[in-house]
């Protein structure tokens, strides 16, 4: 029987806790919720799958450290978000790049540790991936080769000075000039924060309930303009944060960013960003009710019929190519009677993720099929390939994938035939990878060294 691990089951829009195939057993990891170690000198946190954004935010309150924010609910798993290559807003938005020291339980119950964590007594545990031997962290990102039971997350220091830049665009075609103007600063790491741009329909999902519209139709542009919180002439809203270790450094970078944007945007303004210790969107659940109605006092979007599918293709950071992709997505989705709520998330310097949200009311007969979902009870319930659009511009979709290979074997990948034969526990032992056995008794290892309270033991 295939085993499907679930950290918190809050991967909304990508399948939640629904397995990728029928007949699977769900391994619930929510009770593994310890922040096992917090180093506020070097800025690291060793976390388990059940640690939520709310819990980590509370521990980091007043510490001088933070992590990139997410639009996920506060009770979503931090570790799972990183393993699924989640994109955060803020510095170091590519969360997967901030993980090291993975503790991975393999299919035979053995424990594999990556980086310096696999070396007994190493002082650099959780501080670097550059230990001797192959780097194994990437094997367990969006994979089913093992269950990640713990990892170290590198934290981000809060800056001494910061300003948030906001601007609007009156038409989609101006996106190209903005991307091309900011790209040199992004490539030079002068703008390490994720740059976010939202189209007008995405802004509507933040503003409140969806305006009245006939079933099976997208909102007319006049209705979008009338309810747009950024104003009737704003087709796109852009936001980016500029910061620095000192006011002089930050202010100089702000001048560079403003100089690049002037003449390409409207309403350019800088303000002091709102200070918050929250690492997740407290109103994320309310947004899911946009096509359904007002959320209840205790929202449960899965039970209340809130439909959400994400499609997040990656596009090279070239203005013309990005604009063509966005235009095609908007036209295709509107033609199928949905509102294309799109945000552009520019975390990596050379790639921009075009994040399309399809929000719909699952209580309406036929809405699941119209959105591209398989019949109720079928294995796959979300992901980039569920979006109801035909092939178009050449883009790559790195988001959460269907893990079923050509023969339906969970964990197989057509690009790497028979990975288990080469990467299974036996093969890893033959290649000299250290591993231990997962015991959980905490009685100390063979050398008699005791473990701290609550630590899981690794036998060598």
Protein backbone atom coordinates (compact mmCIF):
# COMPACT_ATOMS: atom_id res chain seq x y z
CA UNK A 1 0.00 0.00 0.00
CA UNK A 2 1.48 3.41 -0.93
CA UNK A 3 2.03 5.82 1.96
CA UNK A 4 1.20 9.51 1.48
CA UNK A 5 2.78 11.83 4.09
CA UNK A 6 0.91 14.95 5.14
CA UNK A 7 2.38 17.64 7.41
CA UNK A 8 -0.64 19.83 8.19
CA UNK A 9 -2.91 19.24 5.19
CA UNK A 10 -3.06 22.99 4.42
CA UNK A 11 -1.55 22.92 0.93
CA UNK A 12 -4.77 24.51 -0.32
CA UNK A 13 -5.22 24.57 -4.08
CA UNK A 14 -2.54 21.92 -4.66
CA UNK A 15 -4.50 18.97 -3.30
CA UNK A 16 -4.51 19.67 0.48
CA UNK A 17 -4.04 16.28 2.14
CA UNK A 18 -5.58 14.27 -0.73
CA UNK A 19 -3.16 11.54 -1.93
CA UNK A 20 -1.97 11.58 -5.53
CA UNK A 21 -3.44 8.12 -6.08
CA UNK A 22 -6.32 6.05 -4.73
CA UNK A 23 -5.83 3.36 -2.11
CA UNK A 24 -3.07 5.20 -0.24
CA UNK A 25 -2.57 5.38 3.52
CA UNK A 26 -2.10 8.90 4.89
CA UNK A 27 0.84 9.38 7.26
CA UNK A 28 -0.14 12.37 9.42
CA UNK A 29 2.95 14.23 10.68
CA UNK A 30 1.11 17.07 12.44
CA UNK A 31 2.15 15.91 15.93
CA UNK A 32 5.84 16.25 15.04
CA UNK A 33 5.62 19.90 15.96
CA UNK A 34 8.83 20.73 17.85
CA UNK A 35 11.18 23.59 17.17
CA UNK A 36 14.05 21.34 18.21
CA UNK A 37 16.72 24.01 18.20
CA UNK A 38 16.78 27.79 17.79
CA UNK A 39 20.16 29.49 17.31
CA UNK A 40 19.70 33.27 17.50
CA UNK A 41 23.41 33.89 17.12
CA UNK A 42 23.81 32.29 13.68
CA UNK A 43 20.12 32.48 12.75
CA UNK A 44 18.91 28.89 12.36
CA UNK A 45 15.85 26.93 13.47
CA UNK A 46 15.62 23.13 13.45
CA UNK A 47 11.95 22.36 12.80
CA UNK A 48 9.71 19.33 12.37
CA UNK A 49 6.88 18.96 9.80
CA UNK A 50 4.13 19.97 12.24
CA UNK A 51 5.64 23.38 13.06
CA UNK A 52 3.27 26.03 11.71
CA UNK A 53 3.97 29.55 10.51
CA UNK A 54 2.04 30.84 13.52
CA UNK A 55 4.15 28.81 15.97
CA UNK A 56 7.46 29.81 14.39
CA UNK A 57 6.38 33.45 14.24
CA UNK A 58 5.60 33.41 17.94
CA UNK A 59 9.01 31.94 18.79
CA UNK A 60 10.76 34.55 16.64
CA UNK A 61 8.83 37.48 18.11
CA UNK A 62 11.29 40.13 19.22
CA UNK A 63 14.28 37.98 18.23
CA UNK A 64 15.51 40.17 15.39
CA UNK A 65 14.98 37.31 12.89
CA UNK A 66 12.18 36.41 10.51
CA UNK A 67 11.51 34.38 7.35
CA UNK A 68 9.83 35.24 4.06
CA UNK A 69 6.07 35.60 4.52
CA UNK A 70 3.58 33.36 2.77
CA UNK A 71 -0.03 33.68 1.68
CA UNK A 72 -0.83 30.28 3.20
CA UNK A 73 -2.97 29.98 6.33
CA UNK A 74 -1.15 30.50 9.65
CA UNK A 75 -1.61 26.81 10.54
CA UNK A 76 0.26 25.63 7.43
CA UNK A 77 3.55 23.76 7.78
CA UNK A 78 6.75 25.77 7.35
CA UNK A 79 8.83 22.72 6.45
CA UNK A 80 6.33 21.35 3.95
CA UNK A 81 6.11 24.75 2.29
CA UNK A 82 9.86 24.69 1.78
CA UNK A 83 9.97 21.09 0.57
CA UNK A 84 7.29 21.92 -2.02
CA UNK A 85 9.38 24.90 -3.19
CA UNK A 86 6.95 27.45 -1.82
CA UNK A 87 7.57 31.10 -2.67
CA UNK A 88 7.61 33.66 0.13
CA UNK A 89 7.37 37.43 0.11
CA UNK A 90 10.42 39.16 1.54
CA UNK A 91 14.13 38.40 1.58
CA UNK A 92 15.08 34.87 0.55
CA UNK A 93 11.67 34.11 -0.91
CA UNK A 94 12.81 30.78 -2.38
CA UNK A 95 12.34 28.83 0.84
CA UNK A 96 13.75 25.53 -0.45
CA UNK A 97 17.15 27.21 -0.78
CA UNK A 98 17.12 27.91 2.97
CA UNK A 99 16.80 24.29 4.09
CA UNK A 100 19.68 22.03 5.12
CA UNK A 101 20.43 19.22 7.54
CA UNK A 102 17.45 17.08 6.51
CA UNK A 103 16.50 14.04 8.61
CA UNK A 104 14.80 11.67 6.15
CA UNK A 105 13.06 8.42 7.08
CA UNK A 106 13.41 5.95 4.20
CA UNK A 107 11.03 3.16 3.25
CA UNK A 108 12.83 0.51 5.35
CA UNK A 109 12.68 2.67 8.50
CA UNK A 110 16.29 3.81 8.30
CA UNK A 111 17.23 7.43 8.84
CA UNK A 112 19.33 9.37 6.35
CA UNK A 113 20.77 12.75 7.31
CA UNK A 114 22.15 15.28 4.86
CA UNK A 115 25.01 17.77 4.98
CA UNK A 116 27.10 18.14 8.12
CA UNK A 117 24.28 16.55 10.14
CA UNK A 118 25.43 13.15 8.95
CA UNK A 119 28.86 13.63 10.54
CA UNK A 120 29.10 12.71 14.26
CA UNK A 121 30.08 15.69 16.38
CA UNK A 122 30.30 18.13 13.45
CA UNK A 123 30.15 21.72 14.70
CA UNK A 124 28.64 22.96 11.42
CA UNK A 125 25.41 20.99 11.67
CA UNK A 126 22.57 22.99 10.21
CA UNK A 127 24.93 25.75 9.07
CA UNK A 128 25.99 24.64 5.59
CA UNK A 129 25.14 22.15 2.86
CA UNK A 130 28.77 21.95 1.78
CA UNK A 131 29.79 18.83 3.69
CA UNK A 132 32.06 16.24 2.09
CA UNK A 133 30.36 14.10 -0.51
CA UNK A 134 27.27 14.61 -2.68
CA UNK A 135 24.61 17.11 -1.75
CA UNK A 136 21.40 15.14 -1.20
CA UNK A 137 18.89 17.84 -0.17
CA UNK A 138 17.48 18.25 -3.67
CA UNK A 139 16.49 14.58 -3.82
CA UNK A 140 13.80 15.19 -1.22
CA UNK A 141 12.23 18.36 -2.64
CA UNK A 142 8.85 17.45 -4.17
CA UNK A 143 9.78 13.78 -4.04
CA UNK A 144 8.54 10.57 -2.49
CA UNK A 145 11.95 9.05 -1.85
CA UNK A 146 11.54 9.50 1.90
CA UNK A 147 9.68 11.31 4.68
CA UNK A 148 11.47 14.41 5.93
CA UNK A 149 11.05 14.37 9.71
CA UNK A 150 13.23 17.38 10.51
CA UNK A 151 15.28 20.07 8.79
CA UNK A 152 17.17 23.23 9.66
CA UNK A 153 15.82 26.49 8.24
CA UNK A 154 18.10 29.49 7.89
CA UNK A 155 16.49 32.63 9.29
CA UNK A 156 16.69 36.17 7.89
CA UNK A 157 17.80 39.10 10.10
CA UNK A 158 15.34 41.97 10.28
CA UNK A 159 16.86 44.97 8.48
CA UNK A 160 17.85 48.18 10.23
CA UNK A 161 16.09 50.26 7.56
CA UNK A 162 13.38 49.42 5.03
CA UNK A 163 10.94 51.08 2.64
CA UNK A 164 8.11 49.57 0.63
CA UNK A 165 7.63 50.79 -2.94
CA UNK A 166 4.20 50.65 -4.51
CA UNK A 167 3.09 51.50 -8.04
CA UNK A 168 0.36 50.78 -10.57
CA UNK A 169 0.15 50.11 -14.30
CA UNK A 170 -2.78 51.19 -16.45
CA UNK A 171 -2.32 48.38 -18.99
CA UNK A 172 -0.79 44.94 -19.18
CA UNK A 173 1.65 45.83 -21.97
CA UNK A 174 3.68 48.01 -19.57
CA UNK A 175 4.77 44.94 -17.62
CA UNK A 176 7.57 44.29 -20.12
CA UNK A 177 9.29 47.63 -19.49
CA UNK A 178 9.05 47.21 -15.69
CA UNK A 179 10.62 43.74 -15.75
CA UNK A 180 13.42 44.81 -18.08
CA UNK A 181 14.12 47.92 -15.98
CA UNK A 182 14.37 46.04 -12.67
CA UNK A 183 16.24 43.01 -13.98
CA UNK A 184 19.77 44.52 -13.68
CA UNK A 185 19.15 45.28 -9.99
CA UNK A 186 17.69 41.83 -9.43
CA UNK A 187 20.66 40.11 -11.10
CA UNK A 188 23.07 42.19 -9.01
CA UNK A 189 21.28 41.11 -5.79
CA UNK A 190 20.46 44.75 -5.07
CA UNK A 191 16.78 43.74 -4.68
CA UNK A 192 16.85 40.44 -2.73
CA UNK A 193 13.20 40.74 -1.68
CA UNK A 194 10.52 39.02 -3.73
CA UNK A 195 8.96 41.52 -6.15
CA UNK A 196 5.19 41.00 -6.41
CA UNK A 197 2.75 42.26 -9.05
CA UNK A 198 -1.02 41.61 -8.94
CA UNK A 199 -3.56 42.00 -11.71
CA UNK A 200 -6.89 43.69 -11.07
CA UNK A 201 -8.83 40.46 -10.66
CA UNK A 202 -6.35 39.19 -8.10
CA UNK A 203 -6.84 42.44 -6.17
CA UNK A 204 -10.60 41.81 -6.13
CA UNK A 205 -10.09 38.57 -4.20
CA UNK A 206 -8.41 40.61 -1.47
CA UNK A 207 -11.08 43.33 -1.39
CA UNK A 208 -14.09 41.21 -0.48
CA UNK A 209 -16.85 39.07 -1.95
CA UNK A 210 -17.09 38.50 -5.71
CA UNK A 211 -19.55 40.90 -7.39
CA UNK A 212 -22.78 39.37 -8.70
CA UNK A 213 -22.31 37.79 -12.11
CA UNK A 214 -24.17 35.14 -14.14
CA UNK A 215 -23.00 31.60 -13.45
CA UNK A 216 -20.32 30.28 -15.77
CA UNK A 217 -19.09 33.73 -16.78
CA UNK A 218 -16.08 35.84 -15.88
CA UNK A 219 -16.70 39.32 -14.48
CA UNK A 220 -17.01 42.02 -17.15
CA UNK A 221 -14.18 44.55 -17.11
CA UNK A 222 -16.57 47.34 -16.07
CA UNK A 223 -17.43 45.45 -12.88
CA UNK A 224 -13.74 44.79 -12.19
CA UNK A 225 -12.94 48.49 -12.56
CA UNK A 226 -15.84 49.50 -10.33
CA UNK A 227 -14.70 47.31 -7.43
CA UNK A 228 -10.92 47.48 -7.89
CA UNK A 229 -9.38 48.54 -4.53
CA UNK A 230 -6.40 50.10 -6.37
CA UNK A 231 -8.65 52.34 -8.49
CA UNK A 232 -10.52 51.92 -11.80
CA UNK A 233 -7.46 52.67 -13.95
CA UNK A 234 -5.10 50.23 -12.23
CA UNK A 235 -4.77 47.04 -14.23
CA UNK A 236 -1.74 45.96 -12.17
CA UNK A 237 -0.40 46.78 -8.72
CA UNK A 238 3.31 46.30 -7.96
CA UNK A 239 5.04 46.04 -4.60
CA UNK A 240 8.69 45.64 -3.63
CA UNK A 241 10.71 46.24 -0.48
CA UNK A 242 14.11 47.92 -0.37
CA UNK A 243 16.16 47.56 2.79
CA UNK A 244 19.70 47.84 4.11
CA UNK A 245 21.95 47.20 7.07
CA UNK A 246 22.00 50.99 7.52
CA UNK A 247 19.89 53.92 6.38
CA UNK A 248 22.62 55.09 4.00
CA UNK A 249 22.78 51.73 2.22
CA UNK A 250 19.00 51.33 2.05
CA UNK A 251 18.35 54.89 0.88
CA UNK A 252 20.92 54.55 -1.91
CA UNK A 253 19.24 51.36 -3.14
CA UNK A 254 15.84 53.06 -2.97
CA UNK A 255 17.09 55.82 -5.26
CA UNK A 256 18.33 53.21 -7.74
CA UNK A 257 14.97 51.40 -7.75
CA UNK A 258 12.98 54.63 -8.14
CA UNK A 259 15.23 55.76 -10.99
CA UNK A 260 14.70 52.47 -12.81
CA UNK A 261 10.91 52.63 -12.43
CA UNK A 262 10.27 56.28 -13.24
CA UNK A 263 8.62 56.70 -16.61
CA UNK A 264 7.46 53.08 -16.64
CA UNK A 265 4.88 53.12 -13.80
CA UNK A 266 2.14 55.27 -12.28
CA UNK A 267 1.69 56.46 -8.70
CA UNK A 268 5.16 55.47 -7.52
CA UNK A 269 5.33 55.95 -3.73
CA UNK A 270 7.50 54.76 -0.86
CA UNK A 271 6.39 54.18 2.71
CA UNK A 272 7.63 52.56 5.88
CA UNK A 273 6.51 48.90 5.73
CA UNK A 274 4.08 47.67 8.33
CA UNK A 275 5.89 45.81 11.09
CA UNK A 276 4.45 42.37 11.73
CA UNK A 277 5.61 39.20 13.40
CA UNK A 278 3.07 37.16 11.43
CA UNK A 279 4.72 34.88 8.88
CA UNK A 280 1.50 33.85 7.12
CA UNK A 281 -1.62 35.53 5.82
CA UNK A 282 -4.13 35.80 8.64
CA UNK A 283 -6.83 36.58 6.05
CA UNK A 284 -5.81 33.79 3.66
CA UNK A 285 -8.85 31.66 4.49
CA UNK A 286 -11.24 34.58 3.98
CA UNK A 287 -9.95 35.05 0.42
CA UNK A 288 -10.95 31.50 -0.45
CA UNK A 289 -14.58 32.47 0.18
CA UNK A 290 -14.50 35.15 -2.54
CA UNK A 291 -16.78 33.19 -4.96
CA UNK A 292 -18.82 31.58 -2.16
CA UNK A 293 -19.84 34.35 0.21
CA UNK A 294 -18.93 35.66 3.64
CA UNK A 295 -16.80 33.21 5.63
CA UNK A 296 -18.38 31.76 8.78
CA UNK A 297 -17.03 32.41 12.26
CA UNK A 298 -15.05 29.16 12.05
CA UNK A 299 -14.06 28.89 8.40
CA UNK A 300 -13.44 25.46 6.89
CA UNK A 301 -12.99 26.03 3.15
CA UNK A 302 -12.77 22.33 2.32
CA UNK A 303 -16.13 21.62 3.97
CA UNK A 304 -17.76 24.88 2.83
CA UNK A 305 -17.32 24.26 -0.89
CA UNK A 306 -14.50 26.72 -1.59
CA UNK A 307 -12.81 25.69 -4.84
CA UNK A 308 -9.20 26.69 -5.42
CA UNK A 309 -6.65 25.54 -7.99
CA UNK A 310 -3.20 27.03 -8.45
CA UNK A 311 -1.22 27.06 -11.67
CA UNK A 312 2.31 28.44 -11.26
CA UNK A 313 4.39 28.25 -14.44
CA UNK A 314 7.94 29.59 -14.36
CA UNK A 315 8.87 32.09 -17.07
CA UNK A 316 12.30 33.59 -17.87
CA UNK A 317 12.63 37.15 -16.53
CA UNK A 318 12.33 38.75 -19.96
CA UNK A 319 9.66 41.41 -20.25
CA UNK A 320 8.22 40.50 -23.65
CA UNK A 321 8.11 36.77 -22.88
CA UNK A 322 6.43 37.32 -19.54
CA UNK A 323 3.82 39.70 -20.96
CA UNK A 324 2.92 37.24 -23.73
CA UNK A 325 2.44 34.46 -21.18
CA UNK A 326 0.22 36.62 -18.96
CA UNK A 327 -1.87 37.79 -21.92
CA UNK A 328 -2.43 34.24 -23.08
CA UNK A 329 -3.41 33.02 -19.59
CA UNK A 330 -5.87 35.87 -19.04
CA UNK A 331 -7.53 35.37 -22.41
CA UNK A 332 -7.82 31.59 -22.07
CA UNK A 333 -9.22 31.65 -18.54
CA UNK A 334 -11.75 34.41 -19.24
CA UNK A 335 -12.92 32.53 -22.35
CA UNK A 336 -13.72 29.57 -20.09
CA UNK A 337 -15.82 31.64 -17.72
CA UNK A 338 -13.33 32.07 -14.86
CA UNK A 339 -11.66 35.15 -13.43
CA UNK A 340 -7.86 34.94 -13.95
CA UNK A 341 -6.57 36.10 -10.56
CA UNK A 342 -2.85 36.38 -11.34
CA UNK A 343 0.15 37.42 -9.30
CA UNK A 344 3.75 37.58 -10.49
CA UNK A 345 6.27 36.46 -7.88
CA UNK A 346 9.87 37.38 -8.70
CA UNK A 347 11.96 35.65 -6.02
CA UNK A 348 14.80 34.20 -8.10
CA UNK A 349 16.75 36.69 -10.23
CA UNK A 350 16.30 34.92 -13.58
CA UNK A 351 12.83 33.38 -13.28
CA UNK A 352 9.38 34.77 -12.50
CA UNK A 353 6.51 32.58 -11.35
CA UNK A 354 3.15 33.44 -12.91
CA UNK A 355 0.77 32.34 -10.16
CA UNK A 356 -2.77 31.84 -11.45
CA UNK A 357 -5.52 31.22 -8.87
CA UNK A 358 -8.80 29.69 -10.03
CA UNK A 359 -11.44 30.36 -7.37
CA UNK A 360 -14.87 28.79 -7.78
CA UNK A 361 -17.90 27.54 -5.85
CA UNK A 362 -17.76 23.76 -5.60
CA UNK A 363 -21.36 23.63 -4.39
CA UNK A 364 -22.56 24.46 -7.89
CA UNK A 365 -23.21 21.37 -10.00
CA UNK A 366 -20.57 20.86 -12.67
CA UNK A 367 -18.07 23.40 -11.31
CA UNK A 368 -15.41 20.81 -10.49
CA UNK A 369 -15.46 19.45 -14.02
CA UNK A 370 -15.47 22.93 -15.52
CA UNK A 371 -12.39 23.81 -13.46
CA UNK A 372 -10.57 20.73 -14.70
CA UNK A 373 -10.77 18.63 -11.52
CA UNK A 374 -11.10 14.84 -11.82
CA UNK A 375 -14.30 13.25 -10.52
CA UNK A 376 -14.80 13.28 -6.75
CA UNK A 377 -12.79 10.47 -5.17
CA UNK A 378 -10.19 10.32 -7.91
CA UNK A 379 -6.61 10.51 -6.75
CA UNK A 380 -5.34 13.80 -8.09
CA UNK A 381 -7.08 16.93 -6.83
CA UNK A 382 -4.99 19.88 -7.91
CA UNK A 383 -1.73 21.14 -9.30
CA UNK A 384 -0.48 23.01 -12.30
CA UNK A 385 -1.74 20.48 -14.83
CA UNK A 386 -5.34 20.77 -13.60
CA UNK A 387 -5.78 24.30 -14.98
CA UNK A 388 -8.46 24.41 -17.73
CA UNK A 389 -6.26 25.83 -20.46
CA UNK A 390 -4.82 24.21 -23.60
CA UNK A 391 -1.12 24.27 -24.52
CA UNK A 392 0.20 27.78 -25.10
CA UNK A 393 3.48 29.68 -24.65
CA UNK A 394 6.44 27.55 -23.62
CA UNK A 395 6.64 27.71 -19.82
CA UNK A 396 7.77 25.35 -17.08
CA UNK A 397 5.56 24.36 -14.16
CA UNK A 398 7.72 23.51 -11.12
CA UNK A 399 4.86 23.43 -8.66
CA UNK A 400 3.61 20.36 -6.76
CA UNK A 401 3.39 17.48 -9.20
CA UNK A 402 1.46 14.29 -9.70
CA UNK A 403 3.95 11.79 -8.27
CA UNK A 404 2.66 8.87 -10.33
CA UNK A 405 5.13 7.70 -12.96
CA UNK A 406 4.48 6.00 -16.31
CA UNK A 407 3.37 2.82 -14.57
CA UNK A 408 1.54 4.60 -11.77
CA UNK A 409 4.31 3.93 -9.27
CA UNK A 410 4.42 6.68 -6.66
CA UNK A 411 7.84 8.24 -6.56
CA UNK A 412 8.89 7.25 -10.11
CA UNK A 413 9.87 9.98 -12.54
CA UNK A 414 9.88 9.44 -16.33
CA UNK A 415 13.06 11.52 -16.58
CA UNK A 416 14.88 9.18 -14.18
CA UNK A 417 13.80 5.56 -14.73
CA UNK A 418 13.95 3.23 -11.76
CA UNK A 419 15.21 5.79 -9.22
CA UNK A 420 14.64 3.42 -6.33
CA UNK A 421 17.10 0.93 -7.78
CA UNK A 422 19.80 3.61 -7.66
CA UNK A 423 18.67 5.68 -4.68
CA UNK A 424 17.10 3.12 -2.34
CA UNK A 425 18.59 2.41 1.11
CA UNK A 426 20.70 -0.48 -0.17
CA UNK A 427 22.17 1.54 -3.01
CA UNK A 428 22.88 4.47 -0.70
CA UNK A 429 24.72 2.20 1.72
CA UNK A 430 26.83 0.84 -1.11
CA UNK A 431 27.76 4.41 -2.00
CA UNK A 432 28.94 5.15 1.52
CA UNK A 433 26.10 7.42 2.63
CA UNK A 434 25.81 7.43 6.41
CA UNK A 435 22.51 6.39 7.78
CA UNK A 436 21.00 5.37 11.08
CA UNK A 437 17.96 3.55 12.32
CA UNK A 438 14.93 5.41 13.52
CA UNK A 439 14.24 4.20 17.06
CA UNK A 440 12.59 7.07 18.91
CA UNK A 441 13.53 5.62 22.33
CA UNK A 442 16.11 8.30 23.23
CA UNK A 443 18.32 5.97 25.28
CA UNK A 444 21.66 7.06 23.78
CA UNK A 445 23.78 5.60 21.01
CA UNK A 446 26.19 2.68 21.10
CA UNK A 447 28.94 4.88 22.43
CA UNK A 448 26.85 5.68 25.48
CA UNK A 449 26.35 9.37 24.72
CA UNK A 450 23.00 10.46 26.08
CA UNK A 451 20.45 12.44 24.12
CA UNK A 452 18.58 15.53 25.17
CA UNK A 453 15.02 15.22 26.38
CA UNK A 454 12.68 14.46 23.53
CA UNK A 455 15.48 13.89 20.97
CA UNK A 456 15.03 10.97 18.57
CA UNK A 457 17.97 8.63 18.64
CA UNK A 458 20.01 7.67 15.60
CA UNK A 459 21.76 4.32 15.94
CA UNK A 460 24.90 3.87 13.89
